[in-house]
Every structure is written in structure tokens, then in C-alpha cells.
Amino acid sequence: FLEALTYLKAAQSASGWKKRQMKKCAHKTIQLIRGWAKNGNVNVVHYLYILDAELAVLNGKNKKAKESFNAAITTSSRNGFLHDRALAHELASAYFKAQGDDYWGKYHIECSRRCYQEWGC
């Protein structure tokens, strides 16, 4: 998961061949995780939503990004992954701030902070 997330985040600031290469590397890991989820591993579903959101950001699909961040937050919360919910809020905050939406950026960073505190950070 972290490998794919790292590639997607790096690809967002890259261009040309480097961007395509990073996206391709991320896709390999995403397909692996997708296979685990398809085989019934519910512990990775929220990871897919986070990766789908970051892929949507990379591809400029804003509606898909928002939906996927919300699904990641909901799924990680429902399945008890507090630290991953915090990460999903943190990534959503960065997305909204980059879009110029300070309200949702502040909301998600505050939610992230609360989740991390509750987790013990």
C-alpha cells in the first residue's frame, strides 16, 4: 500500500516519462491489493479507496477523488482502522487545500489530528 501511495504522490509532482513510470509502478501494487480485496480480505478495502482517490487526483478527476476520500474515511472508520482514517483525512486535507477549498482542508486536517491523538500519537 505505502509503495503505491508513494509512487502516486511522487507522480503528482512529476511530468512526462517519469510521471508515467511512477503511475505504472503504482498500478502494479494497486492490482495486487485489488486481488486481495476480491478474494475477501476486508482489511485492505480502505487502502484501495485511498489509492483510488490519489489516482483520481493524479488524473484530474475531482469528483472521483472526493468520493474515494469519503469512502476511505468511512470504510476505515467502520472497520476500526483509526490510523488509516487519520491518514485518509490528512490526504483529503492536502487535496482540498490544493484545490483552494480552505473550509474542507481545515475540516479534514482537524479530523486527522483528532484521529492521530485518539490513536495515541
Foldseek 3Di string as FASTA:
>chain_A
DVQLVVLLVVLLPDDDPSNVVSNVVSVVVLVVLVVVVVVPDLVCPLVNLLSQLSVCVSVVNVVSNVVSLVVSLVSCVVVVVLLSNLVSLQVQLVSCVVVVNNVSNVVSNVSSVVSVVVVPD
